[in-house]
Protein backbone atom coordinates (compact mmCIF):
# COMPACT_ATOMS: atom_id res chain seq x y z
CA UNK A 1 -0.29 -10.20 -19.29
CA UNK A 2 0.38 -9.74 -15.36
CA UNK A 3 0.30 -6.15 -13.70
CA UNK A 4 3.71 -4.97 -13.27
CA UNK A 5 5.04 -4.41 -9.67
CA UNK A 6 4.55 -0.61 -9.97
CA UNK A 7 0.91 -1.03 -10.72
CA UNK A 8 0.29 -3.24 -7.71
CA UNK A 9 2.17 -0.66 -5.71
CA UNK A 10 0.10 2.38 -6.98
CA UNK A 11 -3.28 0.41 -6.61
CA UNK A 12 -2.36 -0.46 -2.92
CA UNK A 13 -1.37 3.18 -1.97
CA UNK A 14 -4.61 4.65 -3.79
CA UNK A 15 -6.51 1.79 -1.94
CA UNK A 16 -5.13 2.44 1.41
CA UNK A 17 -5.33 6.57 0.90
CA UNK A 18 -9.23 5.95 0.21
CA UNK A 19 -9.53 3.93 3.26
CA UNK A 20 -8.06 6.11 5.26
CA UNK A 21 -10.37 8.91 3.82
CA UNK A 22 -13.48 7.33 4.62
CA UNK A 23 -13.19 5.12 7.61
CA UNK A 24 -14.08 6.67 10.91
CA UNK A 25 -12.22 3.88 13.21
CA UNK A 26 -8.58 4.76 11.32
CA UNK A 27 -6.30 7.34 12.58
CA UNK A 28 -2.67 8.03 11.80
CA UNK A 29 -1.65 6.04 15.07
CA UNK A 30 -4.48 3.60 14.90
CA UNK A 31 -6.05 1.38 12.34
CA UNK A 32 -8.87 -0.90 11.81
CA UNK A 33 -8.39 -4.20 10.92
CA UNK A 34 -9.37 -3.25 7.23
CA UNK A 35 -6.90 -0.36 7.47
CA UNK A 36 -4.06 -2.65 8.90
CA UNK A 37 -4.63 -4.83 6.08
CA UNK A 38 -4.42 -2.40 3.57
CA UNK A 39 -1.36 -0.72 5.12
CA UNK A 40 0.69 -3.68 5.17
CA UNK A 41 0.07 -4.61 1.62
CA UNK A 42 1.24 -1.26 0.72
CA UNK A 43 4.02 -1.12 2.57
CA UNK A 44 4.97 -4.79 1.54
CA UNK A 45 4.52 -3.77 -2.18
CA UNK A 46 6.40 -0.41 -1.32
CA UNK A 47 9.30 -2.20 0.06
CA UNK A 48 9.47 -4.74 -3.20
CA UNK A 49 9.19 -1.95 -5.81
CA UNK A 50 12.20 0.17 -3.77
CA UNK A 51 14.33 -3.11 -3.83
CA UNK A 52 13.45 -3.80 -7.36
CA UNK A 53 14.59 0.18 -8.09
CA UNK A 54 17.66 -0.51 -6.40
CA UNK A 55 18.60 -3.55 -8.22
CA UNK A 56 18.33 -1.76 -11.40
CA UNK A 57 20.29 1.25 -10.80
């Protein structure tokens, strides 16, 4: 069974947060290439999840 959108969103949030806690090149204003990729993935999944929630309301 494929993972739910919510599960993917939560995994992306955790990966982004974990990266930010360990990466010495990332800051709140500037991200390294991996940090940018993780942030973009998190934001894309967050937008999709919130749009799905609005449709269900």
